[in-house]
Amino acid sequence: MENKSHIAYWKTNLKYLTILLAIWFLVSFVFGILLVDELNVIRMGGFKLGFWFAQQGSIYVFVILIFVYIRLMNNLDKKHNLND
């Protein structure tokens, strides 16, 4: 039974990582590089949105994703009784 719990734990962990890394890739590469010209039509705080994603937005999103991952993993640890 314990082995099944470990497998479920790691599958969930990998699912979280995949989703969060996909979000980071979307924001940093797709928005910051590939769609920069289309996003530059929109202004945010006086700056073009594509420029903002390339310079600041991807960093902010990355920091937010770190805290989301911490929260998700704490909940997963509690669910699998792995609290410290």
PDB file of N, CA and C in Angstrom:
ATOM      1  N   MET A   1       0.822  -1.198   0.000  1.00  0.00           N
ATOM      2  CA  MET A   1       0.000   0.000   0.000  1.00  0.00           C
ATOM      3  C   MET A   1       0.867   1.264   0.000  1.00  0.00           C
ATOM      4  N   GLU A   2       1.966   1.216   0.702  1.00  0.00           N
ATOM      5  CA  GLU A   2       2.830   2.390   0.784  1.00  0.00           C
ATOM      6  C   GLU A   2       3.432   2.727  -0.575  1.00  0.00           C
ATOM      7  N   ASN A   3       3.770   1.720  -1.361  1.00  0.00           N
ATOM      8  CA  ASN A   3       4.345   1.936  -2.678  1.00  0.00           C
ATOM      9  C   ASN A   3       3.354   2.643  -3.601  1.00  0.00           C
ATOM     10  N   LYS A   4       2.072   2.278  -3.531  1.00  0.00           N
ATOM     11  CA  LYS A   4       1.056   2.934  -4.346  1.00  0.00           C
ATOM     12  C   LYS A   4       0.922   4.400  -3.962  1.00  0.00           C
ATOM     13  N   SER A   5       1.057   4.689  -2.681  1.00  0.00           N
ATOM     14  CA  SER A   5       0.984   6.067  -2.210  1.00  0.00           C
ATOM     15  C   SER A   5       2.160   6.881  -2.744  1.00  0.00           C
ATOM     16  N   HIS A   6       3.343   6.298  -2.777  1.00  0.00           N
ATOM     17  CA  HIS A   6       4.520   6.990  -3.320  1.00  0.00           C
ATOM     18  C   HIS A   6       4.354   7.255  -4.816  1.00  0.00           C
ATOM     19  N   ILE A   7       3.832   6.273  -5.522  1.00  0.00           N
ATOM     20  CA  ILE A   7       3.625   6.443  -6.963  1.00  0.00           C
ATOM     21  C   ILE A   7       2.608   7.548  -7.225  1.00  0.00           C
ATOM     22  N   ALA A   8       1.522   7.556  -6.469  1.00  0.00           N
ATOM     23  CA  ALA A   8       0.502   8.594  -6.621  1.00  0.00           C
ATOM     24  C   ALA A   8       1.076   9.967  -6.279  1.00  0.00           C
ATOM     25  N   TYR A   9       1.897  10.015  -5.245  1.00  0.00           N
ATOM     26  CA  TYR A   9       2.536  11.274  -4.841  1.00  0.00           C
ATOM     27  C   TYR A   9       3.393  11.828  -5.973  1.00  0.00           C
ATOM     28  N   TRP A  10       4.243  10.991  -6.563  1.00  0.00           N
ATOM     29  CA  TRP A  10       5.145  11.465  -7.605  1.00  0.00           C
ATOM     30  C   TRP A  10       4.414  11.779  -8.901  1.00  0.00           C
ATOM     31  N   LYS A  11       3.349  11.026  -9.208  1.00  0.00           N
ATOM     32  CA  LYS A  11       2.563  11.362 -10.396  1.00  0.00           C
ATOM     33  C   LYS A  11       1.924  12.739 -10.244  1.00  0.00           C
ATOM     34  N   THR A  12       1.401  13.015  -9.069  1.00  0.00           N
ATOM     35  CA  THR A  12       0.800  14.324  -8.821  1.00  0.00           C
ATOM     36  C   THR A  12       1.859  15.414  -8.859  1.00  0.00           C
ATOM     37  N   ASN A  13       3.012  15.145  -8.278  1.00  0.00           N
ATOM     38  CA  ASN A  13       4.114  16.111  -8.289  1.00  0.00           C
ATOM     39  C   ASN A  13       4.534  16.422  -9.726  1.00  0.00           C
ATOM     40  N   LEU A  14       4.675  15.411 -10.552  1.00  0.00           N
ATOM     41  CA  LEU A  14       5.059  15.623 -11.950  1.00  0.00           C
ATOM     42  C   LEU A  14       3.976  16.373 -12.719  1.00  0.00           C
ATOM     43  N   LYS A  15       2.721  16.119 -12.396  1.00  0.00           N
ATOM     44  CA  LYS A  15       1.624  16.855 -13.027  1.00  0.00           C
ATOM     45  C   LYS A  15       1.716  18.334 -12.676  1.00  0.00           C
ATOM     46  N   TYR A  16       1.952  18.640 -11.395  1.00  0.00           N
ATOM     47  CA  TYR A  16       2.112  20.032 -10.968  1.00  0.00           C
ATOM     48  C   TYR A  16       3.280  20.691 -11.695  1.00  0.00           C
ATOM     49  N   LEU A  17       4.404  20.005 -11.743  1.00  0.00           N
ATOM     50  CA  LEU A  17       5.584  20.561 -12.408  1.00  0.00           C
ATOM     51  C   LEU A  17       5.327  20.813 -13.884  1.00  0.00           C
ATOM     52  N   THR A  18       4.671  19.893 -14.547  1.00  0.00           N
ATOM     53  CA  THR A  18       4.387  20.044 -15.968  1.00  0.00           C
ATOM     54  C   THR A  18       3.504  21.257 -16.232  1.00  0.00           C
ATOM     55  N   ILE A  19       2.462  21.403 -15.440  1.00  0.00           N
ATOM     56  CA  ILE A  19       1.542  22.530 -15.615  1.00  0.00           C
ATOM     57  C   ILE A  19       2.243  23.855 -15.330  1.00  0.00           C
ATOM     58  N   LEU A  20       2.980  23.916 -14.222  1.00  0.00           N
ATOM     59  CA  LEU A  20       3.639  25.170 -13.859  1.00  0.00           C
ATOM     60  C   LEU A  20       4.743  25.550 -14.844  1.00  0.00           C
ATOM     61  N   LEU A  21       5.491  24.572 -15.316  1.00  0.00           N
ATOM     62  CA  LEU A  21       6.527  24.868 -16.307  1.00  0.00           C
ATOM     63  C   LEU A  21       5.920  25.270 -17.650  1.00  0.00           C
ATOM     64  N   ALA A  22       4.772  24.704 -17.984  1.00  0.00           N
ATOM     65  CA  ALA A  22       4.086  25.103 -19.213  1.00  0.00           C
ATOM     66  C   ALA A  22       3.624  26.554 -19.123  1.00  0.00           C
ATOM     67  N   ILE A  23       3.125  26.951 -17.961  1.00  0.00           N
ATOM     68  CA  ILE A  23       2.718  28.347 -17.758  1.00  0.00           C
ATOM     69  C   ILE A  23       3.931  29.267 -17.887  1.00  0.00           C
ATOM     70  N   TRP A  24       5.040  28.874 -17.263  1.00  0.00           N
ATOM     71  CA  TRP A  24       6.254  29.688 -17.341  1.00  0.00           C
ATOM     72  C   TRP A  24       6.748  29.800 -18.783  1.00  0.00           C
ATOM     73  N   PHE A  25       6.719  28.688 -19.518  1.00  0.00           N
ATOM     74  CA  PHE A  25       7.126  28.704 -20.929  1.00  0.00           C
ATOM     75  C   PHE A  25       6.213  29.620 -21.733  1.00  0.00           C
ATOM     76  N   LEU A  26       4.922  29.537 -21.491  1.00  0.00           N
ATOM     77  CA  LEU A  26       3.963  30.374 -22.206  1.00  0.00           C
ATOM     78  C   LEU A  26       4.248  31.848 -21.975  1.00  0.00           C
ATOM     79  N   VAL A  27       4.454  32.214 -20.726  1.00  0.00           N
ATOM     80  CA  VAL A  27       4.667  33.629 -20.394  1.00  0.00           C
ATOM     81  C   VAL A  27       6.028  34.112 -20.878  1.00  0.00           C
ATOM     82  N   SER A  28       7.075  33.347 -20.613  1.00  0.00           N
ATOM     83  CA  SER A  28       8.417  33.844 -20.922  1.00  0.00           C
ATOM     84  C   SER A  28       8.768  33.722 -22.401  1.00  0.00           C
ATOM     85  N   PHE A  29       8.475  32.596 -23.020  1.00  0.00           N
ATOM     86  CA  PHE A  29       8.897  32.394 -24.413  1.00  0.00           C
ATOM     87  C   PHE A  29       7.834  32.847 -25.403  1.00  0.00           C
ATOM     88  N   VAL A  30       6.611  32.370 -25.221  1.00  0.00           N
ATOM     89  CA  VAL A  30       5.566  32.686 -26.193  1.00  0.00           C
ATOM     90  C   VAL A  30       5.179  34.160 -26.117  1.00  0.00           C
ATOM     91  N   PHE A  31       4.843  34.643 -24.908  1.00  0.00           N
ATOM     92  CA  PHE A  31       4.444  36.047 -24.782  1.00  0.00           C
ATOM     93  C   PHE A  31       5.634  36.986 -24.918  1.00  0.00           C
ATOM     94  N   GLY A  32       6.774  36.613 -24.354  1.00  0.00           N
ATOM     95  CA  GLY A  32       7.934  37.501 -24.338  1.00  0.00           C
ATOM     96  C   GLY A  32       8.736  37.523 -25.612  1.00  0.00           C
ATOM     97  N   ILE A  33       8.615  36.477 -26.469  1.00  0.00           N
ATOM     98  CA  ILE A  33       9.428  36.420 -27.681  1.00  0.00           C
ATOM     99  C   ILE A  33       8.566  36.254 -28.936  1.00  0.00           C
ATOM    100  N   LEU A  34       7.754  35.210 -28.971  1.00  0.00           N
ATOM    101  CA  LEU A  34       7.018  34.909 -30.194  1.00  0.00           C
ATOM    102  C   LEU A  34       5.883  35.896 -30.487  1.00  0.00           C
ATOM    103  N   LEU A  35       5.159  36.302 -29.466  1.00  0.00           N
ATOM    104  CA  LEU A  35       4.005  37.184 -29.666  1.00  0.00           C
ATOM    105  C   LEU A  35       4.281  38.625 -29.257  1.00  0.00           C
ATOM    106  N   VAL A  36       5.540  38.975 -29.155  1.00  0.00           N
ATOM    107  CA  VAL A  36       5.886  40.301 -28.654  1.00  0.00           C
ATOM    108  C   VAL A  36       5.318  41.415 -29.539  1.00  0.00           C
ATOM    109  N   ASP A  37       5.345  41.250 -30.849  1.00  0.00           N
ATOM    110  CA  ASP A  37       4.838  42.304 -31.729  1.00  0.00           C
ATOM    111  C   ASP A  37       3.329  42.477 -31.596  1.00  0.00           C
ATOM    112  N   GLU A  38       2.608  41.382 -31.491  1.00  0.00           N
ATOM    113  CA  GLU A  38       1.158  41.461 -31.319  1.00  0.00           C
ATOM    114  C   GLU A  38       0.796  42.069 -29.969  1.00  0.00           C
ATOM    115  N   LEU A  39       1.555  41.731 -28.923  1.00  0.00           N
ATOM    116  CA  LEU A  39       1.262  42.250 -27.588  1.00  0.00           C
ATOM    117  C   LEU A  39       1.694  43.707 -27.423  1.00  0.00           C
ATOM    118  N   ASN A  40       2.621  44.162 -28.239  1.00  0.00           N
ATOM    119  CA  ASN A  40       3.082  45.550 -28.136  1.00  0.00           C
ATOM    120  C   ASN A  40       2.011  46.557 -28.530  1.00  0.00           C
ATOM    121  N   VAL A  41       0.938  46.101 -29.153  1.00  0.00           N
ATOM    122  CA  VAL A  41      -0.180  46.981 -29.490  1.00  0.00           C
ATOM    123  C   VAL A  41      -0.881  47.441 -28.213  1.00  0.00           C
ATOM    124  N   ILE A  42      -0.872  46.581 -27.190  1.00  0.00           N
ATOM    125  CA  ILE A  42      -1.523  46.872 -25.904  1.00  0.00           C
ATOM    126  C   ILE A  42      -0.509  47.545 -24.989  1.00  0.00           C
ATOM    127  N   ARG A  43      -0.959  48.560 -24.269  1.00  0.00           N
ATOM    128  CA  ARG A  43      -0.082  49.256 -23.311  1.00  0.00           C
ATOM    129  C   ARG A  43      -0.512  48.933 -21.890  1.00  0.00           C
ATOM    130  N   MET A  44       0.491  48.785 -21.000  1.00  0.00           N
ATOM    131  CA  MET A  44       0.236  48.506 -19.585  1.00  0.00           C
ATOM    132  C   MET A  44       1.171  49.387 -18.771  1.00  0.00           C
ATOM    133  N   GLY A  45       0.625  50.320 -18.030  1.00  0.00           N
ATOM    134  CA  GLY A  45       1.441  51.226 -17.226  1.00  0.00           C
ATOM    135  C   GLY A  45       2.370  52.085 -18.056  1.00  0.00           C
ATOM    136  N   GLY A  46       1.965  52.401 -19.274  1.00  0.00           N
ATOM    137  CA  GLY A  46       2.789  53.225 -20.136  1.00  0.00           C
ATOM    138  C   GLY A  46       3.785  52.448 -20.976  1.00  0.00           C
ATOM    139  N   PHE A  47       3.898  51.157 -20.749  1.00  0.00           N
ATOM    140  CA  PHE A  47       4.829  50.318 -21.505  1.00  0.00           C
ATOM    141  C   PHE A  47       4.059  49.393 -22.425  1.00  0.00           C
ATOM    142  N   LYS A  48       4.686  49.014 -23.510  1.00  0.00           N
ATOM    143  CA  LYS A  48       4.081  48.033 -24.405  1.00  0.00           C
ATOM    144  C   LYS A  48       4.044  46.689 -23.694  1.00  0.00           C
ATOM    145  N   LEU A  49       2.930  45.965 -23.858  1.00  0.00           N
ATOM    146  CA  LEU A  49       2.733  44.722 -23.108  1.00  0.00           C
ATOM    147  C   LEU A  49       3.766  43.652 -23.472  1.00  0.00           C
ATOM    148  N   GLY A  50       4.131  43.543 -24.737  1.00  0.00           N
ATOM    149  CA  GLY A  50       5.150  42.573 -25.133  1.00  0.00           C
ATOM    150  C   GLY A  50       6.490  42.867 -24.481  1.00  0.00           C
ATOM    151  N   PHE A  51       6.863  44.136 -24.459  1.00  0.00           N
ATOM    152  CA  PHE A  51       8.094  44.544 -23.790  1.00  0.00           C
ATOM    153  C   PHE A  51       8.018  44.226 -22.300  1.00  0.00           C
ATOM    154  N   TRP A  52       6.851  44.499 -21.677  1.00  0.00           N
ATOM    155  CA  TRP A  52       6.679  44.250 -20.247  1.00  0.00           C
ATOM    156  C   TRP A  52       6.843  42.763 -19.938  1.00  0.00           C
ATOM    157  N   PHE A  53       6.221  41.880 -20.736  1.00  0.00           N
ATOM    158  CA  PHE A  53       6.375  40.438 -20.513  1.00  0.00           C
ATOM    159  C   PHE A  53       7.833  40.026 -20.649  1.00  0.00           C
ATOM    160  N   ALA A  54       8.519  40.557 -21.644  1.00  0.00           N
ATOM    161  CA  ALA A  54       9.918  40.168 -21.863  1.00  0.00           C
ATOM    162  C   ALA A  54      10.822  40.649 -20.746  1.00  0.00           C
ATOM    163  N   GLN A  55      10.541  41.833 -20.185  1.00  0.00           N
ATOM    164  CA  GLN A  55      11.445  42.415 -19.197  1.00  0.00           C
ATOM    165  C   GLN A  55      11.035  42.135 -17.754  1.00  0.00           C
ATOM    166  N   GLN A  56       9.758  42.215 -17.442  1.00  0.00           N
ATOM    167  CA  GLN A  56       9.314  42.105 -16.051  1.00  0.00           C
ATOM    168  C   GLN A  56       8.316  40.977 -15.819  1.00  0.00           C
ATOM    169  N   GLY A  57       7.389  40.832 -16.726  1.00  0.00           N
ATOM    170  CA  GLY A  57       6.273  39.914 -16.514  1.00  0.00           C
ATOM    171  C   GLY A  57       6.690  38.478 -16.279  1.00  0.00           C
ATOM    172  N   SER A  58       7.651  37.999 -17.049  1.00  0.00           N
ATOM    173  CA  SER A  58       8.072  36.610 -16.879  1.00  0.00           C
ATOM    174  C   SER A  58       8.742  36.389 -15.524  1.00  0.00           C
ATOM    175  N   ILE A  59       9.431  37.390 -15.024  1.00  0.00           N
ATOM    176  CA  ILE A  59      10.055  37.286 -13.703  1.00  0.00           C
ATOM    177  C   ILE A  59       8.991  37.258 -12.617  1.00  0.00           C
ATOM    178  N   TYR A  60       8.003  38.149 -12.711  1.00  0.00           N
ATOM    179  CA  TYR A  60       6.915  38.163 -11.726  1.00  0.00           C
ATOM    180  C   TYR A  60       6.143  36.844 -11.735  1.00  0.00           C
ATOM    181  N   VAL A  61       5.841  36.356 -12.925  1.00  0.00           N
ATOM    182  CA  VAL A  61       5.104  35.096 -13.029  1.00  0.00           C
ATOM    183  C   VAL A  61       5.928  33.958 -12.439  1.00  0.00           C
ATOM    184  N   PHE A  62       7.236  33.935 -12.686  1.00  0.00           N
ATOM    185  CA  PHE A  62       8.093  32.885 -12.137  1.00  0.00           C
ATOM    186  C   PHE A  62       8.067  32.899 -10.613  1.00  0.00           C
ATOM    187  N   VAL A  63       8.153  34.064 -10.011  1.00  0.00           N
ATOM    188  CA  VAL A  63       8.120  34.159  -8.542  1.00  0.00           C
ATOM    189  C   VAL A  63       6.759  33.696  -8.017  1.00  0.00           C
ATOM    190  N   ILE A  64       5.682  34.081  -8.678  1.00  0.00           N
ATOM    191  CA  ILE A  64       4.352  33.640  -8.270  1.00  0.00           C
ATOM    192  C   ILE A  64       4.234  32.120  -8.392  1.00  0.00           C
ATOM    193  N   LEU A  65       4.784  31.557  -9.464  1.00  0.00           N
ATOM    194  CA  LEU A  65       4.739  30.098  -9.651  1.00  0.00           C
ATOM    195  C   LEU A  65       5.509  29.360  -8.561  1.00  0.00           C
ATOM    196  N   ILE A  66       6.574  29.951  -8.071  1.00  0.00           N
ATOM    197  CA  ILE A  66       7.306  29.337  -6.955  1.00  0.00           C
ATOM    198  C   ILE A  66       6.407  29.219  -5.736  1.00  0.00           C
ATOM    199  N   PHE A  67       5.691  30.292  -5.406  1.00  0.00           N
ATOM    200  CA  PHE A  67       4.804  30.255  -4.245  1.00  0.00           C
ATOM    201  C   PHE A  67       3.611  29.319  -4.464  1.00  0.00           C
ATOM    202  N   VAL A  68       3.119  29.253  -5.687  1.00  0.00           N
ATOM    203  CA  VAL A  68       2.035  28.311  -6.002  1.00  0.00           C
ATOM    204  C   VAL A  68       2.529  26.886  -5.822  1.00  0.00           C
ATOM    205  N   TYR A  69       3.738  26.598  -6.297  1.00  0.00           N
ATOM    206  CA  TYR A  69       4.299  25.252  -6.151  1.00  0.00           C
ATOM    207  C   TYR A  69       4.484  24.888  -4.680  1.00  0.00           C
ATOM    208  N   ILE A  70       4.958  25.821  -3.892  1.00  0.00           N
ATOM    209  CA  ILE A  70       5.113  25.574  -2.448  1.00  0.00           C
ATOM    210  C   ILE A  70       3.772  25.223  -1.834  1.00  0.00           C
ATOM    211  N   ARG A  71       2.769  25.985  -2.159  1.00  0.00           N
ATOM    212  CA  ARG A  71       1.426  25.744  -1.614  1.00  0.00           C
ATOM    213  C   ARG A  71       0.879  24.381  -2.049  1.00  0.00           C
ATOM    214  N   LEU A  72       1.021  24.082  -3.340  1.00  0.00           N
ATOM    215  CA  LEU A  72       0.546  22.793  -3.848  1.00  0.00           C
ATOM    216  C   LEU A  72       1.264  21.622  -3.185  1.00  0.00           C
ATOM    217  N   MET A  73       2.573  21.750  -3.028  1.00  0.00           N
ATOM    218  CA  MET A  73       3.341  20.648  -2.438  1.00  0.00           C
ATOM    219  C   MET A  73       3.045  20.493  -0.950  1.00  0.00           C
ATOM    220  N   ASN A  74       2.819  21.599  -0.250  1.00  0.00           N
ATOM    221  CA  ASN A  74       2.430  21.487   1.157  1.00  0.00           C
ATOM    222  C   ASN A  74       1.104  20.751   1.296  1.00  0.00           C
ATOM    223  N   ASN A  75       0.152  21.071   0.422  1.00  0.00           N
ATOM    224  CA  ASN A  75      -1.132  20.369   0.456  1.00  0.00           C
ATOM    225  C   ASN A  75      -0.977  18.895   0.083  1.00  0.00           C
ATOM    226  N   LEU A  76      -0.126  18.615  -0.885  1.00  0.00           N
ATOM    227  CA  LEU A  76       0.115  17.231  -1.284  1.00  0.00           C
ATOM    228  C   LEU A  76       0.804  16.453  -0.162  1.00  0.00           C
ATOM    229  N   ASP A  77       1.748  17.089   0.509  1.00  0.00           N
ATOM    230  CA  ASP A  77       2.413  16.436   1.641  1.00  0.00           C
ATOM    231  C   ASP A  77       1.417  16.110   2.746  1.00  0.00           C
ATOM    232  N   LYS A  78       0.519  17.027   3.032  1.00  0.00           N
ATOM    233  CA  LYS A  78      -0.497  16.761   4.048  1.00  0.00           C
ATOM    234  C   LYS A  78      -1.410  15.619   3.632  1.00  0.00           C
ATOM    235  N   LYS A  79      -1.768  15.590   2.368  1.00  0.00           N
ATOM    236  CA  LYS A  79      -2.643  14.541   1.855  1.00  0.00           C
ATOM    237  C   LYS A  79      -1.998  13.168   1.990  1.00  0.00           C
ATOM    238  N   HIS A  80      -0.689  13.085   1.811  1.00  0.00           N
ATOM    239  CA  HIS A  80       0.029  11.810   1.881  1.00  0.00           C
ATOM    240  C   HIS A  80       0.740  11.606   3.230  1.00  0.00           C
ATOM    241  N   ASN A  81       0.395  12.431   4.204  1.00  0.00           N
ATOM    242  CA  ASN A  81       0.953  12.335   5.572  1.00  0.00           C
ATOM    243  C   ASN A  81       2.479  12.419   5.571  1.00  0.00           C
ATOM    244  N   LEU A  82       3.003  13.371   4.833  1.00  0.00           N
ATOM    245  CA  LEU A  82       4.453  13.571   4.781  1.00  0.00           C
ATOM    246  C   LEU A  82       4.831  14.906   5.405  1.00  0.00           C
ATOM    247  N   ASN A  83       4.029  15.396   6.325  1.00  0.00           N
ATOM    248  CA  ASN A  83       4.291  16.677   6.976  1.00  0.00           C
ATOM    249  C   ASN A  83       5.574  16.591   7.804  1.00  0.00           C
ATOM    250  N   ASP A  84       6.296  17.696   7.832  1.00  0.00           N
ATOM    251  CA  ASP A  84       7.505  17.746   8.687  1.00  0.00           C
ATOM    252  C   ASP A  84       7.179  18.440   9.975  1.00  0.00           C
TER     253      ASP A  84
END
